[in-house]
Amino acid sequence: MNEKLRIGRKISFKYSLLIIATVVACSFNNTVMTDQNFQGIRNGSSISQVEAKYGAPVTIHHRDGENIYEYITTDYQGLEPVRWTRYFFVVDEKGQIKTKYKTLTDEPAFQLLQDVSPP
């Protein structure tokens, strides 16, 4: 009986840790990039600040000595994805945003990732 109680406590402890880890992980919430958020990011801002708030970009393109950070959001109609917004930040060698732009498309996001060069 004592052995069963000890095993039960070990299992309960492991499940408790799992629940705590899940709650903590869910509490770290990166904000999603939106048009309003995009407009609020100024040229000259640090890309590390953008990553801290909005998470890592979907991809980073390298062109002519610049890094272009790309974020993608999806608009849905019901459960069907209907439009993708691609947000681009052109970043200099110091990690500062030089310029930014966005494009809208009805092309699926997985096809967008195959296009290695931003528009």
N, C-alpha and C. Protein backbone atom coordinates (compact mmCIF):
# COMPACT_ATOMS: atom_id res chain seq x y z
N MET A 1 0.83 -1.20 0.00
CA MET A 1 0.00 0.00 0.00
C MET A 1 0.86 1.25 0.00
N ASN A 2 1.88 1.27 0.80
CA ASN A 2 2.78 2.42 0.87
C ASN A 2 3.44 2.69 -0.49
N GLU A 3 3.81 1.63 -1.20
CA GLU A 3 4.44 1.74 -2.53
C GLU A 3 3.47 2.37 -3.53
N LYS A 4 2.19 1.98 -3.50
CA LYS A 4 1.19 2.53 -4.41
C LYS A 4 0.99 4.02 -4.14
N LEU A 5 0.99 4.41 -2.91
CA LEU A 5 0.84 5.81 -2.54
C LEU A 5 2.02 6.64 -3.06
N ARG A 6 3.22 6.09 -2.94
CA ARG A 6 4.42 6.78 -3.42
C ARG A 6 4.37 6.95 -4.94
N ILE A 7 3.98 5.92 -5.65
CA ILE A 7 3.87 6.00 -7.11
C ILE A 7 2.79 7.00 -7.51
N GLY A 8 1.68 6.98 -6.82
CA GLY A 8 0.59 7.92 -7.10
C GLY A 8 1.02 9.36 -6.91
N ARG A 9 1.81 9.62 -5.87
CA ARG A 9 2.30 10.98 -5.63
C ARG A 9 3.26 11.42 -6.73
N LYS A 10 4.11 10.50 -7.21
CA LYS A 10 5.04 10.83 -8.29
C LYS A 10 4.27 11.20 -9.56
N ILE A 11 3.25 10.41 -9.86
CA ILE A 11 2.44 10.69 -11.06
C ILE A 11 1.72 12.03 -10.90
N SER A 12 1.12 12.28 -9.74
CA SER A 12 0.42 13.54 -9.49
C SER A 12 1.38 14.72 -9.62
N PHE A 13 2.59 14.56 -9.10
CA PHE A 13 3.59 15.62 -9.18
C PHE A 13 3.95 15.90 -10.64
N LYS A 14 4.14 14.85 -11.44
CA LYS A 14 4.49 15.03 -12.85
C LYS A 14 3.36 15.72 -13.61
N TYR A 15 2.13 15.33 -13.35
CA TYR A 15 0.99 15.98 -14.01
C TYR A 15 0.86 17.44 -13.56
N SER A 16 1.13 17.70 -12.32
CA SER A 16 1.09 19.08 -11.81
C SER A 16 2.12 19.94 -12.53
N LEU A 17 3.34 19.40 -12.69
CA LEU A 17 4.37 20.13 -13.42
C LEU A 17 3.97 20.39 -14.86
N LEU A 18 3.36 19.40 -15.49
CA LEU A 18 2.90 19.55 -16.87
C LEU A 18 1.85 20.64 -16.98
N ILE A 19 0.92 20.67 -16.06
CA ILE A 19 -0.12 21.70 -16.07
C ILE A 19 0.48 23.08 -15.85
N ILE A 20 1.39 23.20 -14.91
CA ILE A 20 2.04 24.49 -14.64
C ILE A 20 2.83 24.95 -15.87
N ALA A 21 3.57 24.04 -16.49
CA ALA A 21 4.35 24.39 -17.69
C ALA A 21 3.44 24.86 -18.82
N THR A 22 2.30 24.21 -18.98
CA THR A 22 1.35 24.60 -20.02
C THR A 22 0.79 25.98 -19.76
N VAL A 23 0.41 26.26 -18.53
CA VAL A 23 -0.13 27.58 -18.18
C VAL A 23 0.91 28.67 -18.40
N VAL A 24 2.14 28.42 -17.99
CA VAL A 24 3.21 29.41 -18.17
C VAL A 24 3.47 29.64 -19.65
N ALA A 25 3.54 28.57 -20.43
CA ALA A 25 3.80 28.70 -21.87
C ALA A 25 2.69 29.48 -22.56
N CYS A 26 1.46 29.26 -22.16
CA CYS A 26 0.32 29.95 -22.78
C CYS A 26 0.26 31.42 -22.37
N SER A 27 0.88 31.77 -21.26
CA SER A 27 0.83 33.16 -20.80
C SER A 27 1.78 34.05 -21.58
N PHE A 28 2.76 33.47 -22.27
CA PHE A 28 3.65 34.26 -23.11
C PHE A 28 2.98 34.42 -24.46
N ASN A 29 2.39 35.58 -24.67
CA ASN A 29 1.57 35.79 -25.85
C ASN A 29 2.23 36.84 -26.76
N ASN A 30 2.72 36.41 -27.91
CA ASN A 30 3.19 37.36 -28.89
C ASN A 30 1.98 37.99 -29.57
N THR A 31 2.03 39.29 -29.75
CA THR A 31 0.97 40.00 -30.43
C THR A 31 1.06 39.69 -31.92
N VAL A 32 -0.07 39.56 -32.55
CA VAL A 32 -0.11 39.27 -33.99
C VAL A 32 0.08 40.57 -34.76
N MET A 33 0.81 40.48 -35.86
CA MET A 33 1.00 41.64 -36.72
C MET A 33 -0.34 41.97 -37.40
N THR A 34 -0.77 43.21 -37.27
CA THR A 34 -1.98 43.70 -37.93
C THR A 34 -1.63 44.97 -38.67
N ASP A 35 -2.56 45.47 -39.48
CA ASP A 35 -2.31 46.73 -40.18
C ASP A 35 -2.02 47.86 -39.18
N GLN A 36 -2.79 47.91 -38.11
CA GLN A 36 -2.60 48.96 -37.11
C GLN A 36 -1.23 48.82 -36.44
N ASN A 37 -0.84 47.60 -36.09
CA ASN A 37 0.48 47.39 -35.49
C ASN A 37 1.58 47.75 -36.47
N PHE A 38 1.42 47.35 -37.72
CA PHE A 38 2.39 47.64 -38.76
C PHE A 38 2.59 49.15 -38.91
N GLN A 39 1.48 49.90 -38.94
CA GLN A 39 1.56 51.36 -39.07
C GLN A 39 2.26 52.00 -37.88
N GLY A 40 2.17 51.37 -36.71
CA GLY A 40 2.79 51.93 -35.52
C GLY A 40 4.30 51.73 -35.43
N ILE A 41 4.85 50.89 -36.28
CA ILE A 41 6.29 50.65 -36.28
C ILE A 41 6.96 51.68 -37.16
N ARG A 42 7.86 52.44 -36.61
CA ARG A 42 8.51 53.55 -37.31
C ARG A 42 9.83 53.12 -37.93
N ASN A 43 10.16 53.76 -39.06
CA ASN A 43 11.49 53.60 -39.62
C ASN A 43 12.50 54.07 -38.58
N GLY A 44 13.60 53.35 -38.46
CA GLY A 44 14.60 53.66 -37.45
C GLY A 44 14.44 52.81 -36.20
N SER A 45 13.28 52.15 -36.07
CA SER A 45 13.09 51.25 -34.93
C SER A 45 14.01 50.05 -35.06
N SER A 46 14.30 49.42 -33.94
CA SER A 46 15.13 48.23 -33.93
C SER A 46 14.30 47.01 -34.31
N ILE A 47 14.82 46.17 -35.19
CA ILE A 47 14.10 44.95 -35.57
C ILE A 47 14.00 44.01 -34.37
N SER A 48 14.94 44.11 -33.44
CA SER A 48 14.86 43.24 -32.25
C SER A 48 13.65 43.62 -31.40
N GLN A 49 13.25 44.89 -31.41
CA GLN A 49 12.03 45.30 -30.69
C GLN A 49 10.80 44.70 -31.36
N VAL A 50 10.80 44.68 -32.69
CA VAL A 50 9.68 44.10 -33.43
C VAL A 50 9.59 42.61 -33.13
N GLU A 51 10.73 41.92 -33.15
CA GLU A 51 10.74 40.48 -32.87
C GLU A 51 10.30 40.18 -31.44
N ALA A 52 10.69 41.04 -30.50
CA ALA A 52 10.30 40.83 -29.10
C ALA A 52 8.78 40.93 -28.94
N LYS A 53 8.17 41.82 -29.68
CA LYS A 53 6.73 42.03 -29.54
C LYS A 53 5.90 41.10 -30.42
N TYR A 54 6.38 40.84 -31.67
CA TYR A 54 5.57 40.09 -32.63
C TYR A 54 6.11 38.71 -32.95
N GLY A 55 7.20 38.33 -32.31
CA GLY A 55 7.79 37.02 -32.56
C GLY A 55 8.72 37.05 -33.76
N ALA A 56 9.27 35.89 -34.06
CA ALA A 56 10.21 35.77 -35.17
C ALA A 56 9.45 35.91 -36.49
N PRO A 57 10.11 36.45 -37.51
CA PRO A 57 9.45 36.54 -38.82
C PRO A 57 9.28 35.16 -39.43
N VAL A 58 8.40 35.07 -40.41
CA VAL A 58 8.22 33.81 -41.13
C VAL A 58 9.50 33.45 -41.86
N THR A 59 10.12 34.45 -42.44
CA THR A 59 11.39 34.24 -43.14
C THR A 59 12.16 35.56 -43.19
N ILE A 60 13.45 35.45 -43.45
CA ILE A 60 14.30 36.62 -43.65
C ILE A 60 14.93 36.48 -45.03
N HIS A 61 14.65 37.43 -45.90
CA HIS A 61 15.23 37.44 -47.24
C HIS A 61 16.52 38.25 -47.20
N HIS A 62 17.49 37.87 -48.00
CA HIS A 62 18.76 38.60 -48.09
C HIS A 62 18.88 39.12 -49.51
N ARG A 63 18.96 40.46 -49.65
CA ARG A 63 19.02 41.06 -50.99
C ARG A 63 19.86 42.33 -50.94
N ASP A 64 20.87 42.37 -51.79
CA ASP A 64 21.72 43.56 -51.94
C ASP A 64 22.25 44.07 -50.60
N GLY A 65 22.71 43.16 -49.76
CA GLY A 65 23.30 43.55 -48.48
C GLY A 65 22.30 43.93 -47.42
N GLU A 66 21.02 43.78 -47.72
CA GLU A 66 19.98 44.11 -46.74
C GLU A 66 19.26 42.82 -46.32
N ASN A 67 18.71 42.86 -45.14
CA ASN A 67 17.86 41.77 -44.67
C ASN A 67 16.42 42.27 -44.70
N ILE A 68 15.54 41.46 -45.26
CA ILE A 68 14.13 41.82 -45.35
C ILE A 68 13.34 40.81 -44.52
N TYR A 69 12.80 41.26 -43.42
CA TYR A 69 12.04 40.43 -42.50
C TYR A 69 10.59 40.38 -42.97
N GLU A 70 10.05 39.17 -43.06
CA GLU A 70 8.68 39.02 -43.56
C GLU A 70 7.78 38.36 -42.52
N TYR A 71 6.65 39.01 -42.29
CA TYR A 71 5.59 38.47 -41.44
C TYR A 71 4.36 38.26 -42.33
N ILE A 72 3.60 37.21 -42.07
CA ILE A 72 2.40 36.91 -42.86
C ILE A 72 1.23 36.71 -41.92
N THR A 73 0.10 37.35 -42.25
CA THR A 73 -1.13 37.07 -41.52
C THR A 73 -2.18 36.59 -42.52
N THR A 74 -3.14 35.84 -42.02
CA THR A 74 -4.17 35.24 -42.85
C THR A 74 -5.54 35.73 -42.42
N ASP A 75 -6.36 36.12 -43.40
CA ASP A 75 -7.75 36.48 -43.14
C ASP A 75 -8.62 35.29 -43.55
N TYR A 76 -9.63 35.00 -42.74
CA TYR A 76 -10.50 33.86 -42.98
C TYR A 76 -11.92 34.31 -43.24
N GLN A 77 -12.62 33.54 -44.06
CA GLN A 77 -14.06 33.67 -44.20
C GLN A 77 -14.61 32.34 -43.73
N GLY A 78 -15.14 32.33 -42.54
CA GLY A 78 -15.49 31.06 -41.90
C GLY A 78 -14.20 30.32 -41.59
N LEU A 79 -14.07 29.09 -42.05
CA LEU A 79 -12.85 28.32 -41.86
C LEU A 79 -11.93 28.39 -43.08
N GLU A 80 -12.35 29.08 -44.10
CA GLU A 80 -11.61 29.14 -45.36
C GLU A 80 -10.67 30.35 -45.39
N PRO A 81 -9.36 30.14 -45.56
CA PRO A 81 -8.46 31.28 -45.72
C PRO A 81 -8.71 31.96 -47.06
N VAL A 82 -8.85 33.28 -47.04
CA VAL A 82 -9.19 34.00 -48.27
C VAL A 82 -8.17 35.05 -48.68
N ARG A 83 -7.36 35.53 -47.74
CA ARG A 83 -6.40 36.58 -48.09
C ARG A 83 -5.23 36.54 -47.14
N TRP A 84 -4.05 36.79 -47.68
CA TRP A 84 -2.84 36.83 -46.90
C TRP A 84 -2.22 38.21 -47.02
N THR A 85 -1.83 38.77 -45.89
CA THR A 85 -1.12 40.05 -45.88
C THR A 85 0.32 39.76 -45.54
N ARG A 86 1.22 40.23 -46.40
CA ARG A 86 2.66 40.04 -46.19
C ARG A 86 3.24 41.39 -45.77
N TYR A 87 3.84 41.43 -44.58
CA TYR A 87 4.46 42.65 -44.06
C TYR A 87 5.98 42.50 -44.18
N PHE A 88 6.64 43.49 -44.76
CA PHE A 88 8.08 43.44 -44.97
C PHE A 88 8.76 44.61 -44.25
N PHE A 89 9.89 44.30 -43.61
CA PHE A 89 10.72 45.31 -42.97
C PHE A 89 12.12 45.19 -43.55
N VAL A 90 12.59 46.25 -44.20
CA VAL A 90 13.94 46.26 -44.75
C VAL A 90 14.86 46.78 -43.65
N VAL A 91 15.86 45.97 -43.29
CA VAL A 91 16.69 46.25 -42.12
C VAL A 91 18.14 46.43 -42.55
N ASP A 92 18.79 47.47 -42.01
CA ASP A 92 20.19 47.72 -42.35
C ASP A 92 21.11 46.86 -41.49
N GLU A 93 22.41 47.02 -41.69
CA GLU A 93 23.40 46.19 -40.99
C GLU A 93 23.44 46.45 -39.48
N LYS A 94 22.88 47.58 -39.03
CA LYS A 94 22.84 47.89 -37.60
C LYS A 94 21.58 47.34 -36.93
N GLY A 95 20.70 46.70 -37.72
CA GLY A 95 19.47 46.16 -37.16
C GLY A 95 18.35 47.17 -37.06
N GLN A 96 18.48 48.29 -37.77
CA GLN A 96 17.45 49.32 -37.76
C GLN A 96 16.57 49.18 -39.01
N ILE A 97 15.29 49.43 -38.85
CA ILE A 97 14.36 49.37 -39.98
C ILE A 97 14.57 50.61 -40.85
N LYS A 98 14.92 50.37 -42.12
CA LYS A 98 15.11 51.47 -43.08
C LYS A 98 13.80 51.87 -43.72
N THR A 99 13.03 50.87 -44.11
CA THR A 99 11.73 51.10 -44.73
C THR A 99 10.87 49.87 -44.53
N LYS A 100 9.60 50.01 -44.82
CA LYS A 100 8.68 48.90 -44.67
C LYS A 100 7.61 49.01 -45.74
N TYR A 101 7.02 47.87 -46.07
CA TYR A 101 5.91 47.85 -47.02
C TYR A 101 5.12 46.57 -46.82
N LYS A 102 3.94 46.53 -47.41
CA LYS A 102 3.11 45.34 -47.29
C LYS A 102 2.46 45.05 -48.64
N THR A 103 2.07 43.79 -48.82
CA THR A 103 1.33 43.37 -50.00
C THR A 103 0.17 42.50 -49.57
N LEU A 104 -0.89 42.50 -50.36
CA LEU A 104 -2.05 41.64 -50.13
C LEU A 104 -2.13 40.65 -51.28
N THR A 105 -2.51 39.43 -50.96
CA THR A 105 -2.63 38.41 -52.00
C THR A 105 -3.70 37.40 -51.62
N ASP A 106 -4.23 36.75 -52.64
CA ASP A 106 -5.13 35.64 -52.37
C ASP A 106 -4.44 34.32 -52.66
N GLU A 107 -3.13 34.38 -52.80
CA GLU A 107 -2.32 33.18 -53.02
C GLU A 107 -2.03 32.52 -51.67
N PRO A 108 -2.19 31.21 -51.57
CA PRO A 108 -1.96 30.53 -50.28
C PRO A 108 -0.56 30.77 -49.72
N ALA A 109 -0.48 30.85 -48.40
CA ALA A 109 0.78 31.17 -47.72
C ALA A 109 1.88 30.17 -48.04
N PHE A 110 1.55 28.88 -48.18
CA PHE A 110 2.60 27.91 -48.46
C PHE A 110 3.22 28.16 -49.83
N GLN A 111 2.45 28.73 -50.77
CA GLN A 111 3.02 29.09 -52.06
C GLN A 111 3.87 30.35 -51.95
N LEU A 112 3.47 31.25 -51.05
CA LEU A 112 4.25 32.47 -50.84
C LEU A 112 5.66 32.15 -50.35
N LEU A 113 5.77 31.15 -49.49
CA LEU A 113 7.07 30.79 -48.95
C LEU A 113 7.99 30.21 -50.01
N GLN A 114 7.42 29.66 -51.08
CA GLN A 114 8.24 29.14 -52.16
C GLN A 114 8.83 30.25 -52.99
N ASP A 115 8.21 31.43 -52.97
CA ASP A 115 8.72 32.58 -53.69
C ASP A 115 9.82 33.20 -52.83
N VAL A 116 11.07 32.99 -53.22
CA VAL A 116 12.19 33.38 -52.36
C VAL A 116 12.49 34.86 -52.42
N SER A 117 11.94 35.60 -53.37
CA SER A 117 12.25 37.02 -53.43
C SER A 117 11.00 37.83 -53.12
N PRO A 118 11.09 38.79 -52.20
CA PRO A 118 9.95 39.62 -51.89
C PRO A 118 9.66 40.55 -53.05
N PRO A 119 8.42 40.99 -53.18
CA PRO A 119 8.05 41.90 -54.28
C PRO A 119 8.70 43.26 -54.14
